[in-house]
Amino acid sequence: MSDPVGHQGPAASGPVPAAENVEYRVAHLQDRLAAEELAELGVRTEMRAGAVVVTGTVPSAQCREILLRVVREELAGLTVHSDIVVADATRPDHAEEL
């Protein structure tokens, strides 16, 4: 389940970012996710085949939307794939049979 985030490919108004710049931007994204409103440490970001992949689990749909907004802000102009899952924290509707 991968849904693209932000722009696909380099920004139309600027040159292709250098690899160091991409790594810096990914590191800055990780810092923001850990320190700001989400304090989300369960999300991983890594480079794969020229794209940034964001994976992990968040507690609610609202957290997922905030996370994707932050990713779009930090990584605008880059190819990004996200696989963010919302944890199901509802009570079971029946007893577990062992």
PDB file of N, CA and C in Angstrom:
ATOM      1  N   MET A   1       0.857  -1.152   0.000  1.00  0.00           N
ATOM      2  CA  MET A   1       0.000   0.000   0.000  1.00  0.00           C
ATOM      3  C   MET A   1       0.907   1.219   0.000  1.00  0.00           C
ATOM      4  N   SER A   2       1.196   1.705  -1.128  1.00  0.00           N
ATOM      5  CA  SER A   2       2.076   2.853  -1.261  1.00  0.00           C
ATOM      6  C   SER A   2       1.314   3.969  -1.941  1.00  0.00           C
ATOM      7  N   ASP A   3       1.296   5.123  -1.291  1.00  0.00           N
ATOM      8  CA  ASP A   3       0.651   6.249  -1.946  1.00  0.00           C
ATOM      9  C   ASP A   3       1.651   7.387  -2.042  1.00  0.00           C
ATOM     10  N   PRO A   4       1.782   7.988  -3.229  1.00  0.00           N
ATOM     11  CA  PRO A   4       2.757   9.042  -3.426  1.00  0.00           C
ATOM     12  C   PRO A   4       2.415  10.275  -2.599  1.00  0.00           C
ATOM     13  N   VAL A   5       3.456  10.942  -2.151  1.00  0.00           N
ATOM     14  CA  VAL A   5       3.305  12.145  -1.356  1.00  0.00           C
ATOM     15  C   VAL A   5       4.050  13.265  -2.054  1.00  0.00           C
ATOM     16  N   GLY A   6       3.436  14.422  -2.146  1.00  0.00           N
ATOM     17  CA  GLY A   6       4.131  15.574  -2.719  1.00  0.00           C
ATOM     18  C   GLY A   6       4.343  15.429  -4.206  1.00  0.00           C
ATOM     19  N   HIS A   7       5.375  16.092  -4.700  1.00  0.00           N
ATOM     20  CA  HIS A   7       5.666  16.111  -6.127  1.00  0.00           C
ATOM     21  C   HIS A   7       6.439  14.872  -6.532  1.00  0.00           C
ATOM     22  N   GLN A   8       6.270  14.445  -7.727  1.00  0.00           N
ATOM     23  CA  GLN A   8       7.033  13.345  -8.288  1.00  0.00           C
ATOM     24  C   GLN A   8       8.164  13.916  -9.110  1.00  0.00           C
ATOM     25  N   GLY A   9       9.391  13.633  -8.728  1.00  0.00           N
ATOM     26  CA  GLY A   9      10.541  14.111  -9.481  1.00  0.00           C
ATOM     27  C   GLY A   9      11.011  15.453  -8.984  1.00  0.00           C
ATOM     28  N   PRO A  10      12.018  16.041  -9.641  1.00  0.00           N
ATOM     29  CA  PRO A  10      12.590  17.304  -9.195  1.00  0.00           C
ATOM     30  C   PRO A  10      11.615  18.466  -9.353  1.00  0.00           C
ATOM     31  N   ALA A  11      11.832  19.478  -8.561  1.00  0.00           N
ATOM     32  CA  ALA A  11      10.977  20.671  -8.625  1.00  0.00           C
ATOM     33  C   ALA A  11      11.137  21.335  -9.972  1.00  0.00           C
ATOM     34  N   ALA A  12      10.049  21.860 -10.484  1.00  0.00           N
ATOM     35  CA  ALA A  12      10.062  22.454 -11.819  1.00  0.00           C
ATOM     36  C   ALA A  12      10.881  23.736 -11.870  1.00  0.00           C
ATOM     37  N   SER A  13      11.011  24.422 -10.731  1.00  0.00           N
ATOM     38  CA  SER A  13      11.673  25.714 -10.749  1.00  0.00           C
ATOM     39  C   SER A  13      13.146  25.662 -10.386  1.00  0.00           C
ATOM     40  N   GLY A  14      13.685  24.495 -10.077  1.00  0.00           N
ATOM     41  CA  GLY A  14      15.075  24.452  -9.638  1.00  0.00           C
ATOM     42  C   GLY A  14      15.804  23.243 -10.179  1.00  0.00           C
ATOM     43  N   PRO A  15      17.112  23.195  -9.943  1.00  0.00           N
ATOM     44  CA  PRO A  15      17.903  22.067 -10.402  1.00  0.00           C
ATOM     45  C   PRO A  15      17.650  20.827  -9.547  1.00  0.00           C
ATOM     46  N   VAL A  16      18.096  19.687 -10.043  1.00  0.00           N
ATOM     47  CA  VAL A  16      17.970  18.441  -9.302  1.00  0.00           C
ATOM     48  C   VAL A  16      18.825  18.552  -8.043  1.00  0.00           C
ATOM     49  N   PRO A  17      18.270  18.236  -6.850  1.00  0.00           N
ATOM     50  CA  PRO A  17      19.035  18.377  -5.622  1.00  0.00           C
ATOM     51  C   PRO A  17      20.179  17.371  -5.563  1.00  0.00           C
ATOM     52  N   ALA A  18      21.292  17.796  -4.978  1.00  0.00           N
ATOM     53  CA  ALA A  18      22.444  16.917  -4.805  1.00  0.00           C
ATOM     54  C   ALA A  18      22.113  15.851  -3.773  1.00  0.00           C
ATOM     55  N   ALA A  19      22.819  14.714  -3.835  1.00  0.00           N
ATOM     56  CA  ALA A  19      22.561  13.608  -2.920  1.00  0.00           C
ATOM     57  C   ALA A  19      22.718  14.049  -1.463  1.00  0.00           C
ATOM     58  N   GLU A  20      23.719  14.878  -1.181  1.00  0.00           N
ATOM     59  CA  GLU A  20      23.924  15.340   0.189  1.00  0.00           C
ATOM     60  C   GLU A  20      22.731  16.159   0.662  1.00  0.00           C
ATOM     61  N   ASN A  21      22.190  16.975  -0.240  1.00  0.00           N
ATOM     62  CA  ASN A  21      21.035  17.798   0.097  1.00  0.00           C
ATOM     63  C   ASN A  21      19.840  16.908   0.439  1.00  0.00           C
ATOM     64  N   VAL A  22      19.640  15.841  -0.300  1.00  0.00           N
ATOM     65  CA  VAL A  22      18.526  14.923  -0.037  1.00  0.00           C
ATOM     66  C   VAL A  22      18.727  14.265   1.317  1.00  0.00           C
ATOM     67  N   GLU A  23      19.933  13.809   1.600  1.00  0.00           N
ATOM     68  CA  GLU A  23      20.210  13.170   2.887  1.00  0.00           C
ATOM     69  C   GLU A  23      19.989  14.149   4.037  1.00  0.00           C
ATOM     70  N   TYR A  24      20.400  15.403   3.836  1.00  0.00           N
ATOM     71  CA  TYR A  24      20.183  16.431   4.851  1.00  0.00           C
ATOM     72  C   TYR A  24      18.695  16.650   5.069  1.00  0.00           C
ATOM     73  N   ARG A  25      17.931  16.723   3.996  1.00  0.00           N
ATOM     74  CA  ARG A  25      16.485  16.952   4.109  1.00  0.00           C
ATOM     75  C   ARG A  25      15.792  15.787   4.803  1.00  0.00           C
ATOM     76  N   VAL A  26      16.213  14.549   4.504  1.00  0.00           N
ATOM     77  CA  VAL A  26      15.637  13.375   5.162  1.00  0.00           C
ATOM     78  C   VAL A  26      15.980  13.401   6.655  1.00  0.00           C
ATOM     79  N   ALA A  27      17.223  13.745   6.998  1.00  0.00           N
ATOM     80  CA  ALA A  27      17.621  13.834   8.403  1.00  0.00           C
ATOM     81  C   ALA A  27      16.827  14.928   9.122  1.00  0.00           C
ATOM     82  N   HIS A  28      16.616  16.057   8.450  1.00  0.00           N
ATOM     83  CA  HIS A  28      15.825  17.140   9.048  1.00  0.00           C
ATOM     84  C   HIS A  28      14.384  16.690   9.261  1.00  0.00           C
ATOM     85  N   LEU A  29      13.827  15.935   8.321  1.00  0.00           N
ATOM     86  CA  LEU A  29      12.480  15.390   8.473  1.00  0.00           C
ATOM     87  C   LEU A  29      12.419  14.491   9.700  1.00  0.00           C
ATOM     88  N   GLN A  30      13.403  13.611   9.866  1.00  0.00           N
ATOM     89  CA  GLN A  30      13.424  12.715  11.025  1.00  0.00           C
ATOM     90  C   GLN A  30      13.473  13.507  12.329  1.00  0.00           C
ATOM     91  N   ASP A  31      14.264  14.589  12.355  1.00  0.00           N
ATOM     92  CA  ASP A  31      14.330  15.443  13.540  1.00  0.00           C
ATOM     93  C   ASP A  31      12.975  16.075  13.834  1.00  0.00           C
ATOM     94  N   ARG A  32      12.310  16.581  12.792  1.00  0.00           N
ATOM     95  CA  ARG A  32      10.989  17.201  12.980  1.00  0.00           C
ATOM     96  C   ARG A  32       9.975  16.192  13.491  1.00  0.00           C
ATOM     97  N   LEU A  33       9.986  14.989  12.938  1.00  0.00           N
ATOM     98  CA  LEU A  33       9.021  13.977  13.359  1.00  0.00           C
ATOM     99  C   LEU A  33       9.231  13.597  14.821  1.00  0.00           C
ATOM    100  N   ALA A  34      10.483  13.573  15.265  1.00  0.00           N
ATOM    101  CA  ALA A  34      10.779  13.192  16.642  1.00  0.00           C
ATOM    102  C   ALA A  34      10.518  14.319  17.626  1.00  0.00           C
ATOM    103  N   ALA A  35      10.695  15.569  17.206  1.00  0.00           N
ATOM    104  CA  ALA A  35      10.674  16.683  18.150  1.00  0.00           C
ATOM    105  C   ALA A  35       9.392  17.500  18.159  1.00  0.00           C
ATOM    106  N   GLU A  36       8.712  17.598  17.055  1.00  0.00           N
ATOM    107  CA  GLU A  36       7.575  18.518  16.982  1.00  0.00           C
ATOM    108  C   GLU A  36       6.286  17.888  17.469  1.00  0.00           C
ATOM    109  N   GLU A  37       5.173  18.371  16.956  1.00  0.00           N
ATOM    110  CA  GLU A  37       3.855  18.017  17.445  1.00  0.00           C
ATOM    111  C   GLU A  37       3.574  16.518  17.487  1.00  0.00           C
ATOM    112  N   LEU A  38       4.150  15.747  16.598  1.00  0.00           N
ATOM    113  CA  LEU A  38       3.876  14.313  16.577  1.00  0.00           C
ATOM    114  C   LEU A  38       4.693  13.538  17.600  1.00  0.00           C
ATOM    115  N   ALA A  39       5.948  13.891  17.773  1.00  0.00           N
ATOM    116  CA  ALA A  39       6.886  13.123  18.595  1.00  0.00           C
ATOM    117  C   ALA A  39       6.825  11.658  18.169  1.00  0.00           C
ATOM    118  N   GLU A  40       6.840  11.441  16.876  1.00  0.00           N
ATOM    119  CA  GLU A  40       6.657  10.116  16.290  1.00  0.00           C
ATOM    120  C   GLU A  40       8.007   9.474  16.006  1.00  0.00           C
ATOM    121  N   LEU A  41       8.360   8.464  16.806  1.00  0.00           N
ATOM    122  CA  LEU A  41       9.637   7.781  16.630  1.00  0.00           C
ATOM    123  C   LEU A  41       9.477   6.448  15.902  1.00  0.00           C
ATOM    124  N   GLY A  42       8.245   6.008  15.677  1.00  0.00           N
ATOM    125  CA  GLY A  42       8.007   4.727  15.037  1.00  0.00           C
ATOM    126  C   GLY A  42       7.941   4.796  13.522  1.00  0.00           C
ATOM    127  N   VAL A  43       8.299   5.932  12.950  1.00  0.00           N
ATOM    128  CA  VAL A  43       8.256   6.104  11.500  1.00  0.00           C
ATOM    129  C   VAL A  43       9.686   6.102  10.972  1.00  0.00           C
ATOM    130  N   ARG A  44       9.913   5.316   9.930  1.00  0.00           N
ATOM    131  CA  ARG A  44      11.248   5.229   9.329  1.00  0.00           C
ATOM    132  C   ARG A  44      11.256   5.940   7.984  1.00  0.00           C
ATOM    133  N   THR A  45      12.347   6.602   7.694  1.00  0.00           N
ATOM    134  CA  THR A  45      12.536   7.217   6.383  1.00  0.00           C
ATOM    135  C   THR A  45      13.877   6.755   5.858  1.00  0.00           C
ATOM    136  N   GLU A  46      13.888   6.336   4.598  1.00  0.00           N
ATOM    137  CA  GLU A  46      15.132   5.885   3.997  1.00  0.00           C
ATOM    138  C   GLU A  46      15.094   6.086   2.494  1.00  0.00           C
ATOM    139  N   MET A  47      16.269   6.124   1.903  1.00  0.00           N
ATOM    140  CA  MET A  47      16.409   6.264   0.458  1.00  0.00           C
ATOM    141  C   MET A  47      16.424   4.875  -0.170  1.00  0.00           C
ATOM    142  N   ARG A  48      15.625   4.706  -1.226  1.00  0.00           N
ATOM    143  CA  ARG A  48      15.612   3.449  -1.986  1.00  0.00           C
ATOM    144  C   ARG A  48      15.447   3.787  -3.449  1.00  0.00           C
ATOM    145  N   ALA A  49      16.408   3.409  -4.238  1.00  0.00           N
ATOM    146  CA  ALA A  49      16.343   3.563  -5.696  1.00  0.00           C
ATOM    147  C   ALA A  49      15.967   4.982  -6.120  1.00  0.00           C
ATOM    148  N   GLY A  50      16.575   5.974  -5.481  1.00  0.00           N
ATOM    149  CA  GLY A  50      16.354   7.356  -5.873  1.00  0.00           C
ATOM    150  C   GLY A  50      15.095   7.998  -5.322  1.00  0.00           C
ATOM    151  N   ALA A  51      14.361   7.297  -4.476  1.00  0.00           N
ATOM    152  CA  ALA A  51      13.153   7.846  -3.869  1.00  0.00           C
ATOM    153  C   ALA A  51      13.268   7.745  -2.357  1.00  0.00           C
ATOM    154  N   VAL A  52      12.501   8.565  -1.661  1.00  0.00           N
ATOM    155  CA  VAL A  52      12.443   8.485  -0.206  1.00  0.00           C
ATOM    156  C   VAL A  52      11.222   7.645   0.151  1.00  0.00           C
ATOM    157  N   VAL A  53      11.428   6.653   1.023  1.00  0.00           N
ATOM    158  CA  VAL A  53      10.347   5.778   1.457  1.00  0.00           C
ATOM    159  C   VAL A  53      10.083   6.054   2.932  1.00  0.00           C
ATOM    160  N   VAL A  54       8.813   6.340   3.257  1.00  0.00           N
ATOM    161  CA  VAL A  54       8.402   6.617   4.626  1.00  0.00           C
ATOM    162  C   VAL A  54       7.469   5.484   5.047  1.00  0.00           C
ATOM    163  N   THR A  55       7.849   4.760   6.112  1.00  0.00           N
ATOM    164  CA  THR A  55       7.054   3.625   6.568  1.00  0.00           C
ATOM    165  C   THR A  55       6.859   3.704   8.080  1.00  0.00           C
ATOM    166  N   GLY A  56       5.814   3.051   8.558  1.00  0.00           N
ATOM    167  CA  GLY A  56       5.593   2.971   9.995  1.00  0.00           C
ATOM    168  C   GLY A  56       4.128   2.908  10.351  1.00  0.00           C
ATOM    169  N   THR A  57       3.878   2.947  11.656  1.00  0.00           N
ATOM    170  CA  THR A  57       2.518   2.870  12.189  1.00  0.00           C
ATOM    171  C   THR A  57       2.275   4.071  13.093  1.00  0.00           C
ATOM    172  N   VAL A  58       1.112   4.678  12.947  1.00  0.00           N
ATOM    173  CA  VAL A  58       0.716   5.815  13.779  1.00  0.00           C
ATOM    174  C   VAL A  58      -0.586   5.463  14.492  1.00  0.00           C
ATOM    175  N   PRO A  59      -0.892   6.163  15.607  1.00  0.00           N
ATOM    176  CA  PRO A  59      -2.063   5.789  16.397  1.00  0.00           C
ATOM    177  C   PRO A  59      -3.420   6.219  15.844  1.00  0.00           C
ATOM    178  N   SER A  60      -3.457   7.206  14.936  1.00  0.00           N
ATOM    179  CA  SER A  60      -4.760   7.665  14.453  1.00  0.00           C
ATOM    180  C   SER A  60      -4.647   8.212  13.025  1.00  0.00           C
ATOM    181  N   ALA A  61      -5.798   8.347  12.395  1.00  0.00           N
ATOM    182  CA  ALA A  61      -5.832   8.922  11.047  1.00  0.00           C
ATOM    183  C   ALA A  61      -5.377  10.375  11.068  1.00  0.00           C
ATOM    184  N   GLN A  62      -5.699  11.097  12.136  1.00  0.00           N
ATOM    185  CA  GLN A  62      -5.269  12.485  12.258  1.00  0.00           C
ATOM    186  C   GLN A  62      -3.741  12.563  12.320  1.00  0.00           C
ATOM    187  N   CYS A  63      -3.106  11.672  13.070  1.00  0.00           N
ATOM    188  CA  CYS A  63      -1.641  11.638  13.125  1.00  0.00           C
ATOM    189  C   CYS A  63      -1.061  11.334  11.753  1.00  0.00           C
ATOM    190  N   ARG A  64      -1.707  10.450  11.007  1.00  0.00           N
ATOM    191  CA  ARG A  64      -1.240  10.121   9.658  1.00  0.00           C
ATOM    192  C   ARG A  64      -1.286  11.353   8.759  1.00  0.00           C
ATOM    193  N   GLU A  65      -2.370  12.109   8.829  1.00  0.00           N
ATOM    194  CA  GLU A  65      -2.500  13.318   8.007  1.00  0.00           C
ATOM    195  C   GLU A  65      -1.445  14.364   8.376  1.00  0.00           C
ATOM    196  N   ILE A  66      -1.209  14.539   9.670  1.00  0.00           N
ATOM    197  CA  ILE A  66      -0.185  15.492  10.113  1.00  0.00           C
ATOM    198  C   ILE A  66       1.181  15.033   9.628  1.00  0.00           C
ATOM    199  N   LEU A  67       1.458  13.750   9.769  1.00  0.00           N
ATOM    200  CA  LEU A  67       2.740  13.201   9.335  1.00  0.00           C
ATOM    201  C   LEU A  67       2.951  13.422   7.846  1.00  0.00           C
ATOM    202  N   LEU A  68       1.944  13.138   7.039  1.00  0.00           N
ATOM    203  CA  LEU A  68       2.075  13.304   5.593  1.00  0.00           C
ATOM    204  C   LEU A  68       2.226  14.779   5.212  1.00  0.00           C
ATOM    205  N   ARG A  69       1.591  15.675   5.952  1.00  0.00           N
ATOM    206  CA  ARG A  69       1.763  17.112   5.708  1.00  0.00           C
ATOM    207  C   ARG A  69       3.211  17.529   5.967  1.00  0.00           C
ATOM    208  N   VAL A  70       3.782  17.056   7.066  1.00  0.00           N
ATOM    209  CA  VAL A  70       5.175  17.379   7.394  1.00  0.00           C
ATOM    210  C   VAL A  70       6.114  16.803   6.333  1.00  0.00           C
ATOM    211  N   VAL A  71       5.840  15.589   5.880  1.00  0.00           N
ATOM    212  CA  VAL A  71       6.661  14.967   4.832  1.00  0.00           C
ATOM    213  C   VAL A  71       6.595  15.803   3.556  1.00  0.00           C
ATOM    214  N   ARG A  72       5.392  16.234   3.163  1.00  0.00           N
ATOM    215  CA  ARG A  72       5.256  17.065   1.961  1.00  0.00           C
ATOM    216  C   ARG A  72       6.033  18.366   2.090  1.00  0.00           C
ATOM    217  N   GLU A  73       5.985  18.988   3.280  1.00  0.00           N
ATOM    218  CA  GLU A  73       6.702  20.245   3.494  1.00  0.00           C
ATOM    219  C   GLU A  73       8.210  20.054   3.385  1.00  0.00           C
ATOM    220  N   GLU A  74       8.730  19.030   4.034  1.00  0.00           N
ATOM    221  CA  GLU A  74      10.181  18.821   4.091  1.00  0.00           C
ATOM    222  C   GLU A  74      10.762  18.277   2.791  1.00  0.00           C
ATOM    223  N   LEU A  75      10.011  17.459   2.090  1.00  0.00           N
ATOM    224  CA  LEU A  75      10.558  16.759   0.931  1.00  0.00           C
ATOM    225  C   LEU A  75       9.910  17.192  -0.379  1.00  0.00           C
ATOM    226  N   ALA A  76       9.384  18.401  -0.425  1.00  0.00           N
ATOM    227  CA  ALA A  76       8.766  18.915  -1.649  1.00  0.00           C
ATOM    228  C   ALA A  76       9.765  18.839  -2.794  1.00  0.00           C
ATOM    229  N   GLY A  77       9.307  18.345  -3.934  1.00  0.00           N
ATOM    230  CA  GLY A  77      10.162  18.246  -5.108  1.00  0.00           C
ATOM    231  C   GLY A  77      10.873  16.915  -5.236  1.00  0.00           C
ATOM    232  N   LEU A  78      10.752  16.051  -4.237  1.00  0.00           N
ATOM    233  CA  LEU A  78      11.389  14.733  -4.293  1.00  0.00           C
ATOM    234  C   LEU A  78      10.331  13.658  -4.517  1.00  0.00           C
ATOM    235  N   THR A  79      10.759  12.532  -5.040  1.00  0.00           N
ATOM    236  CA  THR A  79       9.862  11.390  -5.178  1.00  0.00           C
ATOM    237  C   THR A  79       9.776  10.708  -3.817  1.00  0.00           C
ATOM    238  N   VAL A  80       8.547  10.609  -3.290  1.00  0.00           N
ATOM    239  CA  VAL A  80       8.324  10.043  -1.963  1.00  0.00           C
ATOM    240  C   VAL A  80       7.225   8.996  -2.062  1.00  0.00           C
ATOM    241  N   HIS A  81       7.459   7.848  -1.421  1.00  0.00           N
ATOM    242  CA  HIS A  81       6.442   6.804  -1.313  1.00  0.00           C
ATOM    243  C   HIS A  81       6.173   6.604   0.169  1.00  0.00           C
ATOM    244  N   SER A  82       4.907   6.545   0.551  1.00  0.00           N
ATOM    245  CA  SER A  82       4.580   6.354   1.958  1.00  0.00           C
ATOM    246  C   SER A  82       3.777   5.082   2.147  1.00  0.00           C
ATOM    247  N   ASP A  83       4.081   4.418   3.237  1.00  0.00           N
ATOM    248  CA  ASP A  83       3.331   3.246   3.664  1.00  0.00           C
ATOM    249  C   ASP A  83       3.106   3.404   5.160  1.00  0.00           C
ATOM    250  N   ILE A  84       2.218   4.327   5.500  1.00  0.00           N
ATOM    251  CA  ILE A  84       1.912   4.639   6.894  1.00  0.00           C
ATOM    252  C   ILE A  84       0.604   3.954   7.254  1.00  0.00           C
ATOM    253  N   VAL A  85       0.646   3.110   8.271  1.00  0.00           N
ATOM    254  CA  VAL A  85      -0.510   2.335   8.700  1.00  0.00           C
ATOM    255  C   VAL A  85      -1.065   2.944   9.977  1.00  0.00           C
ATOM    256  N   VAL A  86      -2.392   3.017  10.065  1.00  0.00           N
ATOM    257  CA  VAL A  86      -3.053   3.484  11.282  1.00  0.00           C
ATOM    258  C   VAL A  86      -3.342   2.268  12.144  1.00  0.00           C
ATOM    259  N   ALA A  87      -2.848   2.288  13.387  1.00  0.00           N
ATOM    260  CA  ALA A  87      -3.052   1.172  14.313  1.00  0.00           C
ATOM    261  C   ALA A  87      -4.522   1.074  14.690  1.00  0.00           C
ATOM    262  N   ASP A  88      -5.022  -0.123  14.757  1.00  0.00           N
ATOM    263  CA  ASP A  88      -6.409  -0.342  15.165  1.00  0.00           C
ATOM    264  C   ASP A  88      -6.422  -0.575  16.674  1.00  0.00           C
ATOM    265  N   ALA A  89      -6.879   0.408  17.422  1.00  0.00           N
ATOM    266  CA  ALA A  89      -6.884   0.329  18.880  1.00  0.00           C
ATOM    267  C   ALA A  89      -8.288   0.156  19.443  1.00  0.00           C
ATOM    268  N   THR A  90      -9.206  -0.343  18.629  1.00  0.00           N
ATOM    269  CA  THR A  90     -10.571  -0.540  19.117  1.00  0.00           C
ATOM    270  C   THR A  90     -10.661  -1.845  19.904  1.00  0.00           C
ATOM    271  N   ARG A  91     -11.651  -1.908  20.775  1.00  0.00           N
ATOM    272  CA  ARG A  91     -11.862  -3.121  21.564  1.00  0.00           C
ATOM    273  C   ARG A  91     -12.337  -4.241  20.646  1.00  0.00           C
ATOM    274  N   PRO A  92     -11.939  -5.457  20.941  1.00  0.00           N
ATOM    275  CA  PRO A  92     -12.432  -6.578  20.135  1.00  0.00           C
ATOM    276  C   PRO A  92     -13.935  -6.745  20.328  1.00  0.00           C
ATOM    277  N   ASP A  93     -14.607  -7.195  19.290  1.00  0.00           N
ATOM    278  CA  ASP A  93     -16.056  -7.358  19.383  1.00  0.00           C
ATOM    279  C   ASP A  93     -16.463  -8.772  19.817  1.00  0.00           C
ATOM    280  N   HIS A  94     -15.470  -9.657  20.003  1.00  0.00           N
ATOM    281  CA  HIS A  94     -15.762 -11.000  20.465  1.00  0.00           C
ATOM    282  C   HIS A  94     -14.545 -11.551  21.222  1.00  0.00           C
ATOM    283  N   ALA A  95     -14.782 -12.590  21.998  1.00  0.00           N
ATOM    284  CA  ALA A  95     -13.705 -13.198  22.786  1.00  0.00           C
ATOM    285  C   ALA A  95     -12.786 -14.002  21.868  1.00  0.00           C
ATOM    286  N   GLU A  96     -11.517 -14.010  22.216  1.00  0.00           N
ATOM    287  CA  GLU A  96     -10.551 -14.778  21.442  1.00  0.00           C
ATOM    288  C   GLU A  96     -10.642 -16.248  21.826  1.00  0.00           C
ATOM    289  N   GLU A  97     -10.713 -17.109  20.834  1.00  0.00           N
ATOM    290  CA  GLU A  97     -10.760 -18.547  21.100  1.00  0.00           C
ATOM    291  C   GLU A  97      -9.358 -19.099  20.977  1.00  0.00           C
ATOM    292  N   LEU A  98      -8.948 -19.828  22.007  1.00  0.00           N
ATOM    293  CA  LEU A  98      -7.601 -20.407  22.020  1.00  0.00           C
ATOM    294  C   LEU A  98      -7.600 -21.856  21.706  1.00  0.00           C
TER     295      LEU A  98
END
